Amino acid sequence: METSTAALGRPIKVGVIADQTGPLDFMGIADANVARMVIDDINGAGGLLGQQIELYLEDSETTDAAAEACATKLVSRLRSM
């Protein structure tokens, strides 16, 4: 049986991919800022289920190839932690 993140006292990891550069950066920057704000609010209120949340933010550069690379990076990074 898998041990939960809360039982181990580890933070909950959340990955977000947003278009922070490129033609849609105006939307992606807003998305990234909202993600930061929400995570900060949740952590400020004691976290999620008593655990703090760690945000891992990646820039998809408004391209499919960059978004795919970001997703692969986040999955690899968050799995290994």
PDB file of N, CA and C in Angstrom:
ATOM      1  N   MET A   1       0.850  -1.185   0.000  1.00  0.00           N
ATOM      2  CA  MET A   1       0.000   0.000   0.000  1.00  0.00           C
ATOM      3  C   MET A   1       0.890   1.241   0.000  1.00  0.00           C
ATOM      4  N   GLU A   2       0.524   2.224  -0.787  1.00  0.00           N
ATOM      5  CA  GLU A   2       1.291   3.459  -0.888  1.00  0.00           C
ATOM      6  C   GLU A   2       1.057   4.341   0.327  1.00  0.00           C
ATOM      7  N   THR A   3       2.126   4.968   0.814  1.00  0.00           N
ATOM      8  CA  THR A   3       2.012   5.911   1.917  1.00  0.00           C
ATOM      9  C   THR A   3       1.657   7.278   1.358  1.00  0.00           C
ATOM     10  N   SER A   4       0.718   7.944   2.000  1.00  0.00           N
ATOM     11  CA  SER A   4       0.289   9.249   1.492  1.00  0.00           C
ATOM     12  C   SER A   4       1.339  10.324   1.739  1.00  0.00           C
ATOM     13  N   THR A   5       1.265  11.386   0.951  1.00  0.00           N
ATOM     14  CA  THR A   5       2.157  12.534   1.108  1.00  0.00           C
ATOM     15  C   THR A   5       1.999  13.132   2.499  1.00  0.00           C
ATOM     16  N   ALA A   6       0.761  13.230   2.971  1.00  0.00           N
ATOM     17  CA  ALA A   6       0.512  13.817   4.290  1.00  0.00           C
ATOM     18  C   ALA A   6       1.148  12.989   5.391  1.00  0.00           C
ATOM     19  N   ALA A   7       1.079  11.677   5.272  1.00  0.00           N
ATOM     20  CA  ALA A   7       1.651  10.812   6.290  1.00  0.00           C
ATOM     21  C   ALA A   7       3.165  10.950   6.362  1.00  0.00           C
ATOM     22  N   LEU A   8       3.794  11.269   5.239  1.00  0.00           N
ATOM     23  CA  LEU A   8       5.245  11.419   5.209  1.00  0.00           C
ATOM     24  C   LEU A   8       5.686  12.832   5.573  1.00  0.00           C
ATOM     25  N   GLY A   9       4.741  13.757   5.679  1.00  0.00           N
ATOM     26  CA  GLY A   9       5.080  15.133   5.994  1.00  0.00           C
ATOM     27  C   GLY A   9       5.715  15.890   4.840  1.00  0.00           C
ATOM     28  N   ARG A  10       5.557  15.388   3.641  1.00  0.00           N
ATOM     29  CA  ARG A  10       6.109  16.036   2.455  1.00  0.00           C
ATOM     30  C   ARG A  10       5.099  17.025   1.887  1.00  0.00           C
ATOM     31  N   PRO A  11       5.608  18.086   1.227  1.00  0.00           N
ATOM     32  CA  PRO A  11       4.677  19.012   0.575  1.00  0.00           C
ATOM     33  C   PRO A  11       3.992  18.357  -0.623  1.00  0.00           C
ATOM     34  N   ILE A  12       2.845  18.876  -0.960  1.00  0.00           N
ATOM     35  CA  ILE A  12       2.122  18.433  -2.148  1.00  0.00           C
ATOM     36  C   ILE A  12       2.675  19.218  -3.332  1.00  0.00           C
ATOM     37  N   LYS A  13       3.060  18.511  -4.374  1.00  0.00           N
ATOM     38  CA  LYS A  13       3.675  19.146  -5.546  1.00  0.00           C
ATOM     39  C   LYS A  13       2.635  19.358  -6.635  1.00  0.00           C
ATOM     40  N   VAL A  14       2.615  20.588  -7.173  1.00  0.00           N
ATOM     41  CA  VAL A  14       1.684  20.936  -8.240  1.00  0.00           C
ATOM     42  C   VAL A  14       2.479  21.537  -9.394  1.00  0.00           C
ATOM     43  N   GLY A  15       2.325  20.971 -10.575  1.00  0.00           N
ATOM     44  CA  GLY A  15       2.990  21.491 -11.752  1.00  0.00           C
ATOM     45  C   GLY A  15       2.010  22.243 -12.636  1.00  0.00           C
ATOM     46  N   VAL A  16       2.431  23.400 -13.122  1.00  0.00           N
ATOM     47  CA  VAL A  16       1.601  24.220 -14.000  1.00  0.00           C
ATOM     48  C   VAL A  16       2.430  24.601 -15.225  1.00  0.00           C
ATOM     49  N   ILE A  17       1.842  24.413 -16.393  1.00  0.00           N
ATOM     50  CA  ILE A  17       2.473  24.824 -17.646  1.00  0.00           C
ATOM     51  C   ILE A  17       1.667  25.994 -18.181  1.00  0.00           C
ATOM     52  N   ALA A  18       2.351  27.129 -18.392  1.00  0.00           N
ATOM     53  CA  ALA A  18       1.674  28.330 -18.879  1.00  0.00           C
ATOM     54  C   ALA A  18       2.524  28.993 -19.961  1.00  0.00           C
ATOM     55  N   ASP A  19       1.864  29.617 -20.909  1.00  0.00           N
ATOM     56  CA  ASP A  19       2.547  30.338 -21.994  1.00  0.00           C
ATOM     57  C   ASP A  19       3.069  31.673 -21.466  1.00  0.00           C
ATOM     58  N   GLN A  20       4.244  31.662 -20.857  1.00  0.00           N
ATOM     59  CA  GLN A  20       4.795  32.881 -20.268  1.00  0.00           C
ATOM     60  C   GLN A  20       5.589  33.710 -21.269  1.00  0.00           C
ATOM     61  N   THR A  21       5.910  33.119 -22.397  1.00  0.00           N
ATOM     62  CA  THR A  21       6.550  33.838 -23.498  1.00  0.00           C
ATOM     63  C   THR A  21       5.841  33.432 -24.782  1.00  0.00           C
ATOM     64  N   GLY A  22       6.078  34.177 -25.839  1.00  0.00           N
ATOM     65  CA  GLY A  22       5.446  33.882 -27.123  1.00  0.00           C
ATOM     66  C   GLY A  22       4.192  34.703 -27.325  1.00  0.00           C
ATOM     67  N   PRO A  23       3.474  34.434 -28.421  1.00  0.00           N
ATOM     68  CA  PRO A  23       2.311  35.239 -28.790  1.00  0.00           C
ATOM     69  C   PRO A  23       1.178  35.265 -27.755  1.00  0.00           C
ATOM     70  N   LEU A  24       1.042  34.235 -26.956  1.00  0.00           N
ATOM     71  CA  LEU A  24      -0.033  34.191 -25.956  1.00  0.00           C
ATOM     72  C   LEU A  24       0.460  34.473 -24.542  1.00  0.00           C
ATOM     73  N   ASP A  25       1.615  35.133 -24.437  1.00  0.00           N
ATOM     74  CA  ASP A  25       2.195  35.367 -23.117  1.00  0.00           C
ATOM     75  C   ASP A  25       1.289  36.178 -22.196  1.00  0.00           C
ATOM     76  N   PHE A  26       0.477  37.069 -22.751  1.00  0.00           N
ATOM     77  CA  PHE A  26      -0.419  37.873 -21.914  1.00  0.00           C
ATOM     78  C   PHE A  26      -1.399  36.997 -21.139  1.00  0.00           C
ATOM     79  N   MET A  27      -1.803  35.890 -21.732  1.00  0.00           N
ATOM     80  CA  MET A  27      -2.699  34.963 -21.036  1.00  0.00           C
ATOM     81  C   MET A  27      -1.916  34.068 -20.083  1.00  0.00           C
ATOM     82  N   GLY A  28      -0.767  33.591 -20.541  1.00  0.00           N
ATOM     83  CA  GLY A  28       0.032  32.684 -19.723  1.00  0.00           C
ATOM     84  C   GLY A  28       0.594  33.341 -18.480  1.00  0.00           C
ATOM     85  N   ILE A  29       1.009  34.596 -18.607  1.00  0.00           N
ATOM     86  CA  ILE A  29       1.519  35.317 -17.439  1.00  0.00           C
ATOM     87  C   ILE A  29       0.404  35.473 -16.407  1.00  0.00           C
ATOM     88  N   ALA A  30      -0.788  35.783 -16.876  1.00  0.00           N
ATOM     89  CA  ALA A  30      -1.932  35.887 -15.960  1.00  0.00           C
ATOM     90  C   ALA A  30      -2.216  34.532 -15.304  1.00  0.00           C
ATOM     91  N   ASP A  31      -2.171  33.445 -16.080  1.00  0.00           N
ATOM     92  CA  ASP A  31      -2.392  32.104 -15.527  1.00  0.00           C
ATOM     93  C   ASP A  31      -1.348  31.770 -14.461  1.00  0.00           C
ATOM     94  N   ALA A  32      -0.083  32.084 -14.745  1.00  0.00           N
ATOM     95  CA  ALA A  32       0.995  31.813 -13.797  1.00  0.00           C
ATOM     96  C   ALA A  32       0.801  32.618 -12.514  1.00  0.00           C
ATOM     97  N   ASN A  33       0.405  33.875 -12.664  1.00  0.00           N
ATOM     98  CA  ASN A  33       0.178  34.714 -11.487  1.00  0.00           C
ATOM     99  C   ASN A  33      -0.987  34.201 -10.643  1.00  0.00           C
ATOM    100  N   VAL A  34      -2.036  33.745 -11.302  1.00  0.00           N
ATOM    101  CA  VAL A  34      -3.178  33.187 -10.573  1.00  0.00           C
ATOM    102  C   VAL A  34      -2.759  31.917  -9.834  1.00  0.00           C
ATOM    103  N   ALA A  35      -1.975  31.065 -10.482  1.00  0.00           N
ATOM    104  CA  ALA A  35      -1.506  29.843  -9.828  1.00  0.00           C
ATOM    105  C   ALA A  35      -0.687  30.189  -8.577  1.00  0.00           C
ATOM    106  N   ARG A  36       0.218  31.157  -8.709  1.00  0.00           N
ATOM    107  CA  ARG A  36       1.017  31.576  -7.544  1.00  0.00           C
ATOM    108  C   ARG A  36       0.119  32.111  -6.426  1.00  0.00           C
ATOM    109  N   MET A  37      -0.845  32.946  -6.806  1.00  0.00           N
ATOM    110  CA  MET A  37      -1.737  33.554  -5.826  1.00  0.00           C
ATOM    111  C   MET A  37      -2.567  32.495  -5.090  1.00  0.00           C
ATOM    112  N   VAL A  38      -3.111  31.557  -5.826  1.00  0.00           N
ATOM    113  CA  VAL A  38      -3.935  30.515  -5.220  1.00  0.00           C
ATOM    114  C   VAL A  38      -3.099  29.638  -4.283  1.00  0.00           C
ATOM    115  N   ILE A  39      -1.906  29.245  -4.739  1.00  0.00           N
ATOM    116  CA  ILE A  39      -1.025  28.421  -3.895  1.00  0.00           C
ATOM    117  C   ILE A  39      -0.648  29.182  -2.629  1.00  0.00           C
ATOM    118  N   ASP A  40      -0.305  30.468  -2.774  1.00  0.00           N
ATOM    119  CA  ASP A  40       0.041  31.279  -1.600  1.00  0.00           C
ATOM    120  C   ASP A  40      -1.138  31.379  -0.629  1.00  0.00           C
ATOM    121  N   ASP A  41      -2.345  31.564  -1.162  1.00  0.00           N
ATOM    122  CA  ASP A  41      -3.535  31.639  -0.307  1.00  0.00           C
ATOM    123  C   ASP A  41      -3.780  30.322   0.428  1.00  0.00           C
ATOM    124  N   ILE A  42      -3.673  29.222  -0.290  1.00  0.00           N
ATOM    125  CA  ILE A  42      -3.887  27.909   0.338  1.00  0.00           C
ATOM    126  C   ILE A  42      -2.839  27.657   1.408  1.00  0.00           C
ATOM    127  N   ASN A  43      -1.579  27.912   1.075  1.00  0.00           N
ATOM    128  CA  ASN A  43      -0.510  27.706   2.057  1.00  0.00           C
ATOM    129  C   ASN A  43      -0.666  28.635   3.256  1.00  0.00           C
ATOM    130  N   GLY A  44      -1.101  29.866   3.011  1.00  0.00           N
ATOM    131  CA  GLY A  44      -1.304  30.823   4.099  1.00  0.00           C
ATOM    132  C   GLY A  44      -2.416  30.414   5.049  1.00  0.00           C
ATOM    133  N   ALA A  45      -3.351  29.615   4.531  1.00  0.00           N
ATOM    134  CA  ALA A  45      -4.470  29.140   5.351  1.00  0.00           C
ATOM    135  C   ALA A  45      -4.177  27.775   5.975  1.00  0.00           C
ATOM    136  N   GLY A  46      -2.927  27.350   5.924  1.00  0.00           N
ATOM    137  CA  GLY A  46      -2.574  26.072   6.551  1.00  0.00           C
ATOM    138  C   GLY A  46      -2.320  24.942   5.587  1.00  0.00           C
ATOM    139  N   GLY A  47      -2.427  25.211   4.295  1.00  0.00           N
ATOM    140  CA  GLY A  47      -2.127  24.187   3.297  1.00  0.00           C
ATOM    141  C   GLY A  47      -3.345  23.380   2.903  1.00  0.00           C
ATOM    142  N   LEU A  48      -3.091  22.326   2.181  1.00  0.00           N
ATOM    143  CA  LEU A  48      -4.129  21.417   1.710  1.00  0.00           C
ATOM    144  C   LEU A  48      -4.021  20.134   2.518  1.00  0.00           C
ATOM    145  N   LEU A  49      -5.075  19.827   3.261  1.00  0.00           N
ATOM    146  CA  LEU A  49      -5.065  18.669   4.156  1.00  0.00           C
ATOM    147  C   LEU A  49      -3.893  18.741   5.134  1.00  0.00           C
ATOM    148  N   GLY A  50      -3.564  19.974   5.529  1.00  0.00           N
ATOM    149  CA  GLY A  50      -2.484  20.174   6.491  1.00  0.00           C
ATOM    150  C   GLY A  50      -1.090  20.167   5.896  1.00  0.00           C
ATOM    151  N   GLN A  51      -0.977  20.017   4.600  1.00  0.00           N
ATOM    152  CA  GLN A  51       0.327  19.989   3.932  1.00  0.00           C
ATOM    153  C   GLN A  51       0.499  21.241   3.082  1.00  0.00           C
ATOM    154  N   GLN A  52       1.718  21.766   3.033  1.00  0.00           N
ATOM    155  CA  GLN A  52       2.032  22.893   2.179  1.00  0.00           C
ATOM    156  C   GLN A  52       2.084  22.423   0.727  1.00  0.00           C
ATOM    157  N   ILE A  53       1.860  23.343  -0.190  1.00  0.00           N
ATOM    158  CA  ILE A  53       1.896  23.039  -1.615  1.00  0.00           C
ATOM    159  C   ILE A  53       3.116  23.709  -2.219  1.00  0.00           C
ATOM    160  N   GLU A  54       3.835  22.974  -3.047  1.00  0.00           N
ATOM    161  CA  GLU A  54       4.967  23.513  -3.792  1.00  0.00           C
ATOM    162  C   GLU A  54       4.560  23.644  -5.248  1.00  0.00           C
ATOM    163  N   LEU A  55       4.769  24.823  -5.810  1.00  0.00           N
ATOM    164  CA  LEU A  55       4.412  25.083  -7.196  1.00  0.00           C
ATOM    165  C   LEU A  55       5.634  24.951  -8.090  1.00  0.00           C
ATOM    166  N   TYR A  56       5.493  24.187  -9.148  1.00  0.00           N
ATOM    167  CA  TYR A  56       6.530  24.048 -10.170  1.00  0.00           C
ATOM    168  C   TYR A  56       5.934  24.606 -11.458  1.00  0.00           C
ATOM    169  N   LEU A  57       6.443  25.750 -11.862  1.00  0.00           N
ATOM    170  CA  LEU A  57       5.893  26.482 -12.994  1.00  0.00           C
ATOM    171  C   LEU A  57       6.831  26.375 -14.188  1.00  0.00           C
ATOM    172  N   GLU A  58       6.279  26.007 -15.344  1.00  0.00           N
ATOM    173  CA  GLU A  58       7.062  25.869 -16.577  1.00  0.00           C
ATOM    174  C   GLU A  58       6.468  26.742 -17.679  1.00  0.00           C
ATOM    175  N   ASP A  59       7.332  27.258 -18.535  1.00  0.00           N
ATOM    176  CA  ASP A  59       6.943  28.117 -19.650  1.00  0.00           C
ATOM    177  C   ASP A  59       6.846  27.285 -20.929  1.00  0.00           C
ATOM    178  N   SER A  60       5.651  27.223 -21.504  1.00  0.00           N
ATOM    179  CA  SER A  60       5.452  26.445 -22.725  1.00  0.00           C
ATOM    180  C   SER A  60       5.788  27.239 -23.986  1.00  0.00           C
ATOM    181  N   GLU A  61       6.147  28.501 -23.822  1.00  0.00           N
ATOM    182  CA  GLU A  61       6.614  29.346 -24.930  1.00  0.00           C
ATOM    183  C   GLU A  61       5.608  29.457 -26.078  1.00  0.00           C
ATOM    184  N   THR A  62       4.374  29.112 -25.842  1.00  0.00           N
ATOM    185  CA  THR A  62       3.304  29.126 -26.836  1.00  0.00           C
ATOM    186  C   THR A  62       3.604  28.224 -28.035  1.00  0.00           C
ATOM    187  N   THR A  63       4.315  27.116 -27.778  1.00  0.00           N
ATOM    188  CA  THR A  63       4.546  26.132 -28.843  1.00  0.00           C
ATOM    189  C   THR A  63       4.215  24.744 -28.314  1.00  0.00           C
ATOM    190  N   ASP A  64       3.739  23.904 -29.202  1.00  0.00           N
ATOM    191  CA  ASP A  64       3.406  22.537 -28.805  1.00  0.00           C
ATOM    192  C   ASP A  64       4.645  21.767 -28.357  1.00  0.00           C
ATOM    193  N   ALA A  65       5.751  21.945 -29.060  1.00  0.00           N
ATOM    194  CA  ALA A  65       6.979  21.222 -28.720  1.00  0.00           C
ATOM    195  C   ALA A  65       7.484  21.602 -27.335  1.00  0.00           C
ATOM    196  N   ALA A  66       7.458  22.897 -27.030  1.00  0.00           N
ATOM    197  CA  ALA A  66       7.903  23.346 -25.709  1.00  0.00           C
ATOM    198  C   ALA A  66       6.951  22.850 -24.620  1.00  0.00           C
ATOM    199  N   ALA A  67       5.655  22.866 -24.891  1.00  0.00           N
ATOM    200  CA  ALA A  67       4.671  22.379 -23.920  1.00  0.00           C
ATOM    201  C   ALA A  67       4.880  20.897 -23.645  1.00  0.00           C
ATOM    202  N   GLU A  68       5.145  20.133 -24.683  1.00  0.00           N
ATOM    203  CA  GLU A  68       5.406  18.703 -24.510  1.00  0.00           C
ATOM    204  C   GLU A  68       6.660  18.481 -23.679  1.00  0.00           C
ATOM    205  N   ALA A  69       7.706  19.245 -23.958  1.00  0.00           N
ATOM    206  CA  ALA A  69       8.947  19.129 -23.194  1.00  0.00           C
ATOM    207  C   ALA A  69       8.732  19.512 -21.734  1.00  0.00           C
ATOM    208  N   CYS A  70       7.927  20.540 -21.511  1.00  0.00           N
ATOM    209  CA  CYS A  70       7.621  20.962 -20.136  1.00  0.00           C
ATOM    210  C   CYS A  70       6.861  19.874 -19.384  1.00  0.00           C
ATOM    211  N   ALA A  71       5.898  19.272 -20.047  1.00  0.00           N
ATOM    212  CA  ALA A  71       5.119  18.210 -19.409  1.00  0.00           C
ATOM    213  C   ALA A  71       6.013  17.030 -19.053  1.00  0.00           C
ATOM    214  N   THR A  72       6.877  16.643 -19.966  1.00  0.00           N
ATOM    215  CA  THR A  72       7.806  15.543 -19.706  1.00  0.00           C
ATOM    216  C   THR A  72       8.719  15.884 -18.535  1.00  0.00           C
ATOM    217  N   LYS A  73       9.225  17.115 -18.523  1.00  0.00           N
ATOM    218  CA  LYS A  73      10.113  17.568 -17.445  1.00  0.00           C
ATOM    219  C   LYS A  73       9.397  17.535 -16.097  1.00  0.00           C
ATOM    220  N   LEU A  74       8.170  18.056 -16.055  1.00  0.00           N
ATOM    221  CA  LEU A  74       7.434  18.072 -14.793  1.00  0.00           C
ATOM    222  C   LEU A  74       7.136  16.664 -14.284  1.00  0.00           C
ATOM    223  N   VAL A  75       6.711  15.788 -15.171  1.00  0.00           N
ATOM    224  CA  VAL A  75       6.401  14.419 -14.746  1.00  0.00           C
ATOM    225  C   VAL A  75       7.654  13.749 -14.203  1.00  0.00           C
ATOM    226  N   SER A  76       8.758  13.891 -14.892  1.00  0.00           N
ATOM    227  CA  SER A  76      10.015  13.288 -14.434  1.00  0.00           C
ATOM    228  C   SER A  76      10.475  13.895 -13.117  1.00  0.00           C
ATOM    229  N   ARG A  77      10.404  15.200 -13.037  1.00  0.00           N
ATOM    230  CA  ARG A  77      10.878  15.916 -11.850  1.00  0.00           C
ATOM    231  C   ARG A  77      10.022  15.598 -10.632  1.00  0.00           C
ATOM    232  N   LEU A  78       8.710  15.628 -10.790  1.00  0.00           N
ATOM    233  CA  LEU A  78       7.834  15.434  -9.661  1.00  0.00           C
ATOM    234  C   LEU A  78       7.762  13.980  -9.212  1.00  0.00           C
ATOM    235  N   ARG A  79       7.977  13.062 -10.136  1.00  0.00           N
ATOM    236  CA  ARG A  79       8.006  11.637  -9.773  1.00  0.00           C
ATOM    237  C   ARG A  79       9.227  11.289  -8.945  1.00  0.00           C
ATOM    238  N   SER A  80      10.363  11.905  -9.296  1.00  0.00           N
ATOM    239  CA  SER A  80      11.619  11.539  -8.661  1.00  0.00           C
ATOM    240  C   SER A  80      11.799  12.176  -7.280  1.00  0.00           C
ATOM    241  N   MET A  81      10.916  13.074  -6.907  1.00  0.00           N
ATOM    242  CA  MET A  81      11.072  13.769  -5.625  1.00  0.00           C
ATOM    243  C   MET A  81      10.384  13.024  -4.511  1.00  0.00           C
TER     244      MET A  81
END
